[in-house]
Amino acid sequence: MGRSYKSYGRTPKTHVNHNGYRVYNNTGTLVHRHMAEVKLGRPLRPSEVVHHKDRNKQNNNPSNLHVFANQQAHWNAHKQDAARYGPAYSFKGKK
């Protein structure tokens, strides 16, 4: 598990990949997965999926991240939201 970006003394450089997620330039690590590890205090398991509560892929604040045990649990949450609020909300968030 990596350190919190705050412990580096400066914010490392990132870019947005083709899927819209922030990635650290120097390691190729997805920022949201790193921040979830910092939040949990342990490395993520390969099967764990990090979910952005507000559906904003750029909002990697630990309070906005939820870790699901696997992709099926993550998908079930999106299906529940789609049934409750509509598919646009489930995948794009509130507008």
PDB file of N, CA and C in Angstrom:
ATOM      1  N   MET A   1       0.854  -1.183   0.000  1.00  0.00           N
ATOM      2  CA  MET A   1       0.000   0.000   0.000  1.00  0.00           C
ATOM      3  C   MET A   1       0.887   1.230   0.000  1.00  0.00           C
ATOM      4  N   GLY A   2       0.501   2.220  -0.768  1.00  0.00           N
ATOM      5  CA  GLY A   2       1.239   3.470  -0.821  1.00  0.00           C
ATOM      6  C   GLY A   2       0.877   4.395   0.320  1.00  0.00           C
ATOM      7  N   ARG A   3       1.622   5.446   0.413  1.00  0.00           N
ATOM      8  CA  ARG A   3       1.341   6.459   1.427  1.00  0.00           C
ATOM      9  C   ARG A   3       0.295   7.427   0.911  1.00  0.00           C
ATOM     10  N   SER A   4      -0.321   8.148   1.846  1.00  0.00           N
ATOM     11  CA  SER A   4      -1.238   9.211   1.452  1.00  0.00           C
ATOM     12  C   SER A   4      -0.436  10.254   0.691  1.00  0.00           C
ATOM     13  N   TYR A   5      -1.056  10.857  -0.324  1.00  0.00           N
ATOM     14  CA  TYR A   5      -0.328  11.862  -1.100  1.00  0.00           C
ATOM     15  C   TYR A   5       0.126  13.011  -0.211  1.00  0.00           C
ATOM     16  N   LYS A   6      -0.580  13.262   0.907  1.00  0.00           N
ATOM     17  CA  LYS A   6      -0.208  14.358   1.799  1.00  0.00           C
ATOM     18  C   LYS A   6       1.128  14.106   2.478  1.00  0.00           C
ATOM     19  N   SER A   7       1.531  12.836   2.620  1.00  0.00           N
ATOM     20  CA  SER A   7       2.793  12.533   3.283  1.00  0.00           C
ATOM     21  C   SER A   7       3.994  12.748   2.368  1.00  0.00           C
ATOM     22  N   TYR A   8       3.779  13.010   1.096  1.00  0.00           N
ATOM     23  CA  TYR A   8       4.877  13.250   0.169  1.00  0.00           C
ATOM     24  C   TYR A   8       5.397  14.688   0.239  1.00  0.00           C
ATOM     25  N   GLY A   9       4.641  15.581   0.859  1.00  0.00           N
ATOM     26  CA  GLY A   9       5.056  16.971   0.930  1.00  0.00           C
ATOM     27  C   GLY A   9       4.581  17.796  -0.248  1.00  0.00           C
ATOM     28  N   ARG A  10       4.145  17.152  -1.289  1.00  0.00           N
ATOM     29  CA  ARG A  10       3.584  17.837  -2.453  1.00  0.00           C
ATOM     30  C   ARG A  10       2.636  16.865  -3.132  1.00  0.00           C
ATOM     31  N   THR A  11       1.749  17.399  -3.931  1.00  0.00           N
ATOM     32  CA  THR A  11       0.796  16.559  -4.635  1.00  0.00           C
ATOM     33  C   THR A  11       1.467  15.987  -5.880  1.00  0.00           C
ATOM     34  N   PRO A  12       1.508  14.664  -6.016  1.00  0.00           N
ATOM     35  CA  PRO A  12       2.131  14.086  -7.213  1.00  0.00           C
ATOM     36  C   PRO A  12       1.317  14.414  -8.463  1.00  0.00           C
ATOM     37  N   LYS A  13       1.983  14.413  -9.586  1.00  0.00           N
ATOM     38  CA  LYS A  13       1.318  14.723 -10.850  1.00  0.00           C
ATOM     39  C   LYS A  13       0.447  13.544 -11.286  1.00  0.00           C
ATOM     40  N   THR A  14      -0.702  13.905 -11.836  1.00  0.00           N
ATOM     41  CA  THR A  14      -1.641  12.898 -12.329  1.00  0.00           C
ATOM     42  C   THR A  14      -2.121  13.280 -13.716  1.00  0.00           C
ATOM     43  N   HIS A  15      -2.747  12.339 -14.363  1.00  0.00           N
ATOM     44  CA  HIS A  15      -3.443  12.594 -15.622  1.00  0.00           C
ATOM     45  C   HIS A  15      -4.753  11.809 -15.601  1.00  0.00           C
ATOM     46  N   VAL A  16      -5.636  12.117 -16.519  1.00  0.00           N
ATOM     47  CA  VAL A  16      -6.904  11.408 -16.632  1.00  0.00           C
ATOM     48  C   VAL A  16      -6.768  10.385 -17.752  1.00  0.00           C
ATOM     49  N   ASN A  17      -7.069   9.118 -17.421  1.00  0.00           N
ATOM     50  CA  ASN A  17      -6.931   8.068 -18.434  1.00  0.00           C
ATOM     51  C   ASN A  17      -8.148   8.030 -19.371  1.00  0.00           C
ATOM     52  N   HIS A  18      -8.139   7.117 -20.298  1.00  0.00           N
ATOM     53  CA  HIS A  18      -9.200   7.037 -21.316  1.00  0.00           C
ATOM     54  C   HIS A  18     -10.568   6.680 -20.728  1.00  0.00           C
ATOM     55  N   ASN A  19     -10.602   6.163 -19.490  1.00  0.00           N
ATOM     56  CA  ASN A  19     -11.875   5.851 -18.824  1.00  0.00           C
ATOM     57  C   ASN A  19     -12.349   6.980 -17.918  1.00  0.00           C
ATOM     58  N   GLY A  20     -11.587   8.058 -17.838  1.00  0.00           N
ATOM     59  CA  GLY A  20     -11.986   9.205 -17.038  1.00  0.00           C
ATOM     60  C   GLY A  20     -11.503   9.186 -15.600  1.00  0.00           C
ATOM     61  N   TYR A  21     -10.616   8.249 -15.247  1.00  0.00           N
ATOM     62  CA  TYR A  21     -10.088   8.155 -13.885  1.00  0.00           C
ATOM     63  C   TYR A  21      -8.713   8.810 -13.788  1.00  0.00           C
ATOM     64  N   ARG A  22      -8.422   9.432 -12.651  1.00  0.00           N
ATOM     65  CA  ARG A  22      -7.100  10.004 -12.407  1.00  0.00           C
ATOM     66  C   ARG A  22      -6.107   8.885 -12.127  1.00  0.00           C
ATOM     67  N   VAL A  23      -4.899   9.046 -12.677  1.00  0.00           N
ATOM     68  CA  VAL A  23      -3.826   8.070 -12.545  1.00  0.00           C
ATOM     69  C   VAL A  23      -2.554   8.816 -12.175  1.00  0.00           C
ATOM     70  N   TYR A  24      -1.792   8.282 -11.217  1.00  0.00           N
ATOM     71  CA  TYR A  24      -0.499   8.883 -10.888  1.00  0.00           C
ATOM     72  C   TYR A  24       0.458   8.673 -12.054  1.00  0.00           C
ATOM     73  N   ASN A  25       1.111   9.740 -12.499  1.00  0.00           N
ATOM     74  CA  ASN A  25       2.028   9.659 -13.641  1.00  0.00           C
ATOM     75  C   ASN A  25       3.206   8.730 -13.361  1.00  0.00           C
ATOM     76  N   ASN A  26       3.756   8.792 -12.139  1.00  0.00           N
ATOM     77  CA  ASN A  26       5.003   8.070 -11.865  1.00  0.00           C
ATOM     78  C   ASN A  26       4.805   6.575 -11.651  1.00  0.00           C
ATOM     79  N   THR A  27       3.595   6.133 -11.277  1.00  0.00           N
ATOM     80  CA  THR A  27       3.390   4.712 -10.976  1.00  0.00           C
ATOM     81  C   THR A  27       2.310   4.051 -11.820  1.00  0.00           C
ATOM     82  N   GLY A  28       1.424   4.828 -12.415  1.00  0.00           N
ATOM     83  CA  GLY A  28       0.301   4.257 -13.148  1.00  0.00           C
ATOM     84  C   GLY A  28      -0.820   3.782 -12.242  1.00  0.00           C
ATOM     85  N   THR A  29      -0.715   4.056 -10.946  1.00  0.00           N
ATOM     86  CA  THR A  29      -1.733   3.653  -9.981  1.00  0.00           C
ATOM     87  C   THR A  29      -2.954   4.554 -10.096  1.00  0.00           C
ATOM     88  N   LEU A  30      -4.138   3.953 -10.055  1.00  0.00           N
ATOM     89  CA  LEU A  30      -5.377   4.726 -10.051  1.00  0.00           C
ATOM     90  C   LEU A  30      -5.514   5.448  -8.715  1.00  0.00           C
ATOM     91  N   VAL A  31      -5.739   6.750  -8.762  1.00  0.00           N
ATOM     92  CA  VAL A  31      -5.790   7.569  -7.557  1.00  0.00           C
ATOM     93  C   VAL A  31      -6.911   7.108  -6.624  1.00  0.00           C
ATOM     94  N   HIS A  32      -8.088   6.794  -7.172  1.00  0.00           N
ATOM     95  CA  HIS A  32      -9.199   6.399  -6.297  1.00  0.00           C
ATOM     96  C   HIS A  32      -8.905   5.094  -5.556  1.00  0.00           C
ATOM     97  N   ARG A  33      -8.194   4.172  -6.170  1.00  0.00           N
ATOM     98  CA  ARG A  33      -7.840   2.934  -5.473  1.00  0.00           C
ATOM     99  C   ARG A  33      -6.808   3.214  -4.381  1.00  0.00           C
ATOM    100  N   HIS A  34      -5.854   4.081  -4.671  1.00  0.00           N
ATOM    101  CA  HIS A  34      -4.857   4.443  -3.667  1.00  0.00           C
ATOM    102  C   HIS A  34      -5.513   5.130  -2.473  1.00  0.00           C
ATOM    103  N   MET A  35      -6.412   6.075  -2.746  1.00  0.00           N
ATOM    104  CA  MET A  35      -7.071   6.797  -1.657  1.00  0.00           C
ATOM    105  C   MET A  35      -7.971   5.868  -0.838  1.00  0.00           C
ATOM    106  N   ALA A  36      -8.575   4.870  -1.464  1.00  0.00           N
ATOM    107  CA  ALA A  36      -9.371   3.887  -0.722  1.00  0.00           C
ATOM    108  C   ALA A  36      -8.472   3.062   0.192  1.00  0.00           C
ATOM    109  N   GLU A  37      -7.272   2.721  -0.272  1.00  0.00           N
ATOM    110  CA  GLU A  37      -6.322   1.996   0.576  1.00  0.00           C
ATOM    111  C   GLU A  37      -5.912   2.827   1.778  1.00  0.00           C
ATOM    112  N   VAL A  38      -5.681   4.106   1.556  1.00  0.00           N
ATOM    113  CA  VAL A  38      -5.331   5.007   2.658  1.00  0.00           C
ATOM    114  C   VAL A  38      -6.482   5.050   3.655  1.00  0.00           C
ATOM    115  N   LYS A  39      -7.703   5.163   3.153  1.00  0.00           N
ATOM    116  CA  LYS A  39      -8.888   5.224   4.013  1.00  0.00           C
ATOM    117  C   LYS A  39      -9.025   3.948   4.847  1.00  0.00           C
ATOM    118  N   LEU A  40      -8.833   2.790   4.208  1.00  0.00           N
ATOM    119  CA  LEU A  40      -8.983   1.508   4.896  1.00  0.00           C
ATOM    120  C   LEU A  40      -7.784   1.161   5.774  1.00  0.00           C
ATOM    121  N   GLY A  41      -6.631   1.716   5.441  1.00  0.00           N
ATOM    122  CA  GLY A  41      -5.415   1.394   6.180  1.00  0.00           C
ATOM    123  C   GLY A  41      -4.827   0.050   5.801  1.00  0.00           C
ATOM    124  N   ARG A  42      -5.159  -0.419   4.596  1.00  0.00           N
ATOM    125  CA  ARG A  42      -4.645  -1.701   4.106  1.00  0.00           C
ATOM    126  C   ARG A  42      -4.727  -1.716   2.581  1.00  0.00           C
ATOM    127  N   PRO A  43      -3.966  -2.613   1.955  1.00  0.00           N
ATOM    128  CA  PRO A  43      -4.079  -2.736   0.493  1.00  0.00           C
ATOM    129  C   PRO A  43      -5.439  -3.303   0.100  1.00  0.00           C
ATOM    130  N   LEU A  44      -5.915  -2.891  -1.046  1.00  0.00           N
ATOM    131  CA  LEU A  44      -7.149  -3.463  -1.585  1.00  0.00           C
ATOM    132  C   LEU A  44      -6.877  -4.861  -2.120  1.00  0.00           C
ATOM    133  N   ARG A  45      -7.862  -5.714  -1.988  1.00  0.00           N
ATOM    134  CA  ARG A  45      -7.784  -7.033  -2.603  1.00  0.00           C
ATOM    135  C   ARG A  45      -8.083  -6.851  -4.098  1.00  0.00           C
ATOM    136  N   PRO A  46      -7.524  -7.700  -4.950  1.00  0.00           N
ATOM    137  CA  PRO A  46      -7.775  -7.536  -6.390  1.00  0.00           C
ATOM    138  C   PRO A  46      -9.251  -7.543  -6.761  1.00  0.00           C
ATOM    139  N   SER A  47     -10.078  -8.283  -6.011  1.00  0.00           N
ATOM    140  CA  SER A  47     -11.510  -8.373  -6.344  1.00  0.00           C
ATOM    141  C   SER A  47     -12.308  -7.160  -5.878  1.00  0.00           C
ATOM    142  N   GLU A  48     -11.757  -6.348  -4.978  1.00  0.00           N
ATOM    143  CA  GLU A  48     -12.500  -5.216  -4.431  1.00  0.00           C
ATOM    144  C   GLU A  48     -12.639  -4.098  -5.466  1.00  0.00           C
ATOM    145  N   VAL A  49     -13.816  -3.481  -5.459  1.00  0.00           N
ATOM    146  CA  VAL A  49     -14.140  -2.415  -6.412  1.00  0.00           C
ATOM    147  C   VAL A  49     -14.391  -1.134  -5.635  1.00  0.00           C
ATOM    148  N   VAL A  50     -13.749  -0.050  -6.060  1.00  0.00           N
ATOM    149  CA  VAL A  50     -13.935   1.251  -5.419  1.00  0.00           C
ATOM    150  C   VAL A  50     -15.006   2.022  -6.181  1.00  0.00           C
ATOM    151  N   HIS A  51     -15.994   2.486  -5.433  1.00  0.00           N
ATOM    152  CA  HIS A  51     -17.156   3.174  -5.988  1.00  0.00           C
ATOM    153  C   HIS A  51     -17.134   4.637  -5.572  1.00  0.00           C
ATOM    154  N   HIS A  52     -17.361   5.539  -6.522  1.00  0.00           N
ATOM    155  CA  HIS A  52     -17.489   6.963  -6.231  1.00  0.00           C
ATOM    156  C   HIS A  52     -18.957   7.233  -5.890  1.00  0.00           C
ATOM    157  N   LYS A  53     -19.227   7.574  -4.655  1.00  0.00           N
ATOM    158  CA  LYS A  53     -20.604   7.756  -4.192  1.00  0.00           C
ATOM    159  C   LYS A  53     -21.356   8.789  -5.018  1.00  0.00           C
ATOM    160  N   ASP A  54     -20.682   9.884  -5.391  1.00  0.00           N
ATOM    161  CA  ASP A  54     -21.353  10.943  -6.160  1.00  0.00           C
ATOM    162  C   ASP A  54     -21.250  10.726  -7.673  1.00  0.00           C
ATOM    163  N   ARG A  55     -20.695   9.598  -8.082  1.00  0.00           N
ATOM    164  CA  ARG A  55     -20.522   9.203  -9.493  1.00  0.00           C
ATOM    165  C   ARG A  55     -19.536  10.092 -10.248  1.00  0.00           C
ATOM    166  N   ASN A  56     -18.815  10.954  -9.533  1.00  0.00           N
ATOM    167  CA  ASN A  56     -17.823  11.835 -10.147  1.00  0.00           C
ATOM    168  C   ASN A  56     -16.457  11.155 -10.046  1.00  0.00           C
ATOM    169  N   LYS A  57     -15.944  10.674 -11.160  1.00  0.00           N
ATOM    170  CA  LYS A  57     -14.671   9.953 -11.181  1.00  0.00           C
ATOM    171  C   LYS A  57     -13.490  10.826 -10.764  1.00  0.00           C
ATOM    172  N   GLN A  58     -13.677  12.133 -10.784  1.00  0.00           N
ATOM    173  CA  GLN A  58     -12.606  13.046 -10.409  1.00  0.00           C
ATOM    174  C   GLN A  58     -12.590  13.348  -8.908  1.00  0.00           C
ATOM    175  N   ASN A  59     -13.660  13.003  -8.194  1.00  0.00           N
ATOM    176  CA  ASN A  59     -13.756  13.279  -6.763  1.00  0.00           C
ATOM    177  C   ASN A  59     -13.209  12.089  -5.981  1.00  0.00           C
ATOM    178  N   ASN A  60     -11.919  12.130  -5.673  1.00  0.00           N
ATOM    179  CA  ASN A  60     -11.253  11.033  -4.994  1.00  0.00           C
ATOM    180  C   ASN A  60     -11.084  11.280  -3.497  1.00  0.00           C
ATOM    181  N   ASN A  61     -11.926  12.145  -2.946  1.00  0.00           N
ATOM    182  CA  ASN A  61     -11.916  12.374  -1.506  1.00  0.00           C
ATOM    183  C   ASN A  61     -12.310  11.060  -0.823  1.00  0.00           C
ATOM    184  N   PRO A  62     -11.568  10.630   0.198  1.00  0.00           N
ATOM    185  CA  PRO A  62     -11.893   9.360   0.858  1.00  0.00           C
ATOM    186  C   PRO A  62     -13.344   9.257   1.319  1.00  0.00           C
ATOM    187  N   SER A  63     -13.950  10.378   1.709  1.00  0.00           N
ATOM    188  CA  SER A  63     -15.350  10.320   2.157  1.00  0.00           C
ATOM    189  C   SER A  63     -16.309  10.035   1.002  1.00  0.00           C
ATOM    190  N   ASN A  64     -15.853  10.184  -0.241  1.00  0.00           N
ATOM    191  CA  ASN A  64     -16.680   9.923  -1.415  1.00  0.00           C
ATOM    192  C   ASN A  64     -16.489   8.513  -1.956  1.00  0.00           C
ATOM    193  N   LEU A  65     -15.596   7.745  -1.345  1.00  0.00           N
ATOM    194  CA  LEU A  65     -15.273   6.420  -1.861  1.00  0.00           C
ATOM    195  C   LEU A  65     -15.868   5.324  -0.983  1.00  0.00           C
ATOM    196  N   HIS A  66     -16.418   4.311  -1.633  1.00  0.00           N
ATOM    197  CA  HIS A  66     -16.942   3.136  -0.932  1.00  0.00           C
ATOM    198  C   HIS A  66     -16.326   1.908  -1.594  1.00  0.00           C
ATOM    199  N   VAL A  67     -15.896   0.950  -0.792  1.00  0.00           N
ATOM    200  CA  VAL A  67     -15.280  -0.260  -1.327  1.00  0.00           C
ATOM    201  C   VAL A  67     -16.277  -1.408  -1.260  1.00  0.00           C
ATOM    202  N   PHE A  68     -16.548  -1.995  -2.423  1.00  0.00           N
ATOM    203  CA  PHE A  68     -17.388  -3.180  -2.507  1.00  0.00           C
ATOM    204  C   PHE A  68     -16.492  -4.409  -2.570  1.00  0.00           C
ATOM    205  N   ALA A  69     -16.966  -5.519  -2.064  1.00  0.00           N
ATOM    206  CA  ALA A  69     -16.189  -6.761  -2.029  1.00  0.00           C
ATOM    207  C   ALA A  69     -15.880  -7.290  -3.425  1.00  0.00           C
ATOM    208  N   ASN A  70     -16.790  -7.031  -4.371  1.00  0.00           N
ATOM    209  CA  ASN A  70     -16.582  -7.540  -5.726  1.00  0.00           C
ATOM    210  C   ASN A  70     -17.439  -6.741  -6.713  1.00  0.00           C
ATOM    211  N   GLN A  71     -17.248  -7.022  -7.994  1.00  0.00           N
ATOM    212  CA  GLN A  71     -17.963  -6.288  -9.033  1.00  0.00           C
ATOM    213  C   GLN A  71     -19.470  -6.542  -8.974  1.00  0.00           C
ATOM    214  N   GLN A  72     -19.884  -7.747  -8.590  1.00  0.00           N
ATOM    215  CA  GLN A  72     -21.313  -8.047  -8.519  1.00  0.00           C
ATOM    216  C   GLN A  72     -22.000  -7.180  -7.468  1.00  0.00           C
ATOM    217  N   ALA A  73     -21.391  -7.011  -6.305  1.00  0.00           N
ATOM    218  CA  ALA A  73     -21.966  -6.156  -5.257  1.00  0.00           C
ATOM    219  C   ALA A  73     -22.040  -4.708  -5.736  1.00  0.00           C
ATOM    220  N   HIS A  74     -21.024  -4.265  -6.454  1.00  0.00           N
ATOM    221  CA  HIS A  74     -20.997  -2.915  -7.003  1.00  0.00           C
ATOM    222  C   HIS A  74     -22.129  -2.739  -8.024  1.00  0.00           C
ATOM    223  N   TRP A  75     -22.274  -3.707  -8.914  1.00  0.00           N
ATOM    224  CA  TRP A  75     -23.321  -3.650  -9.930  1.00  0.00           C
ATOM    225  C   TRP A  75     -24.700  -3.646  -9.283  1.00  0.00           C
ATOM    226  N   ASN A  76     -24.896  -4.439  -8.230  1.00  0.00           N
ATOM    227  CA  ASN A  76     -26.188  -4.480  -7.536  1.00  0.00           C
ATOM    228  C   ASN A  76     -26.543  -3.108  -6.970  1.00  0.00           C
ATOM    229  N   ALA A  77     -25.570  -2.378  -6.454  1.00  0.00           N
ATOM    230  CA  ALA A  77     -25.820  -1.029  -5.931  1.00  0.00           C
ATOM    231  C   ALA A  77     -26.278  -0.104  -7.051  1.00  0.00           C
ATOM    232  N   HIS A  78     -25.655  -0.206  -8.219  1.00  0.00           N
ATOM    233  CA  HIS A  78     -26.066   0.617  -9.359  1.00  0.00           C
ATOM    234  C   HIS A  78     -27.473   0.245  -9.823  1.00  0.00           C
ATOM    235  N   LYS A  79     -27.790  -1.048  -9.822  1.00  0.00           N
ATOM    236  CA  LYS A  79     -29.139  -1.476 -10.224  1.00  0.00           C
ATOM    237  C   LYS A  79     -30.189  -0.947  -9.244  1.00  0.00           C
ATOM    238  N   GLN A  80     -29.891  -0.967  -7.952  1.00  0.00           N
ATOM    239  CA  GLN A  80     -30.834  -0.434  -6.961  1.00  0.00           C
ATOM    240  C   GLN A  80     -31.049   1.060  -7.180  1.00  0.00           C
ATOM    241  N   ASP A  81     -29.962   1.792  -7.421  1.00  0.00           N
ATOM    242  CA  ASP A  81     -30.076   3.228  -7.691  1.00  0.00           C
ATOM    243  C   ASP A  81     -30.874   3.487  -8.969  1.00  0.00           C
ATOM    244  N   ALA A  82     -30.650   2.669  -9.993  1.00  0.00           N
ATOM    245  CA  ALA A  82     -31.370   2.839 -11.255  1.00  0.00           C
ATOM    246  C   ALA A  82     -32.864   2.620 -11.050  1.00  0.00           C
ATOM    247  N   ALA A  83     -33.220   1.631 -10.242  1.00  0.00           N
ATOM    248  CA  ALA A  83     -34.637   1.365  -9.969  1.00  0.00           C
ATOM    249  C   ALA A  83     -35.257   2.495  -9.160  1.00  0.00           C
ATOM    250  N   ARG A  84     -34.483   3.052  -8.256  1.00  0.00           N
ATOM    251  CA  ARG A  84     -34.980   4.092  -7.358  1.00  0.00           C
ATOM    252  C   ARG A  84     -35.009   5.470  -8.020  1.00  0.00           C
ATOM    253  N   TYR A  85     -33.915   5.828  -8.726  1.00  0.00           N
ATOM    254  CA  TYR A  85     -33.748   7.194  -9.224  1.00  0.00           C
ATOM    255  C   TYR A  85     -33.645   7.302 -10.741  1.00  0.00           C
ATOM    256  N   GLY A  86     -33.573   6.184 -11.443  1.00  0.00           N
ATOM    257  CA  GLY A  86     -33.411   6.193 -12.886  1.00  0.00           C
ATOM    258  C   GLY A  86     -31.980   5.893 -13.291  1.00  0.00           C
ATOM    259  N   PRO A  87     -31.802   5.342 -14.481  1.00  0.00           N
ATOM    260  CA  PRO A  87     -30.469   4.944 -14.925  1.00  0.00           C
ATOM    261  C   PRO A  87     -29.490   6.109 -15.062  1.00  0.00           C
ATOM    262  N   ALA A  88     -29.970   7.272 -15.435  1.00  0.00           N
ATOM    263  CA  ALA A  88     -29.061   8.423 -15.583  1.00  0.00           C
ATOM    264  C   ALA A  88     -28.399   8.748 -14.257  1.00  0.00           C
ATOM    265  N   TYR A  89     -29.164   8.745 -13.162  1.00  0.00           N
ATOM    266  CA  TYR A  89     -28.590   9.010 -11.851  1.00  0.00           C
ATOM    267  C   TYR A  89     -27.635   7.902 -11.441  1.00  0.00           C
ATOM    268  N   SER A  90     -28.028   6.674 -11.693  1.00  0.00           N
ATOM    269  CA  SER A  90     -27.240   5.534 -11.248  1.00  0.00           C
ATOM    270  C   SER A  90     -25.814   5.560 -11.779  1.00  0.00           C
ATOM    271  N   PHE A  91     -25.643   6.026 -12.991  1.00  0.00           N
ATOM    272  CA  PHE A  91     -24.311   5.996 -13.590  1.00  0.00           C
ATOM    273  C   PHE A  91     -23.666   7.356 -13.748  1.00  0.00           C
ATOM    274  N   LYS A  92     -24.437   8.423 -13.753  1.00  0.00           N
ATOM    275  CA  LYS A  92     -23.869   9.758 -13.968  1.00  0.00           C
ATOM    276  C   LYS A  92     -23.967  10.654 -12.750  1.00  0.00           C
ATOM    277  N   GLY A  93     -24.786  10.313 -11.768  1.00  0.00           N
ATOM    278  CA  GLY A  93     -24.951  11.140 -10.584  1.00  0.00           C
ATOM    279  C   GLY A  93     -25.984  12.230 -10.776  1.00  0.00           C
ATOM    280  N   LYS A  94     -26.199  13.007  -9.722  1.00  0.00           N
ATOM    281  CA  LYS A  94     -27.173  14.103  -9.779  1.00  0.00           C
ATOM    282  C   LYS A  94     -26.667  15.199 -10.684  1.00  0.00           C
ATOM    283  N   LYS A  95     -27.570  15.800 -11.417  1.00  0.00           N
ATOM    284  CA  LYS A  95     -27.220  16.946 -12.276  1.00  0.00           C
ATOM    285  C   LYS A  95     -27.967  18.159 -11.816  1.00  0.00           C
TER     286      LYS A  95
END
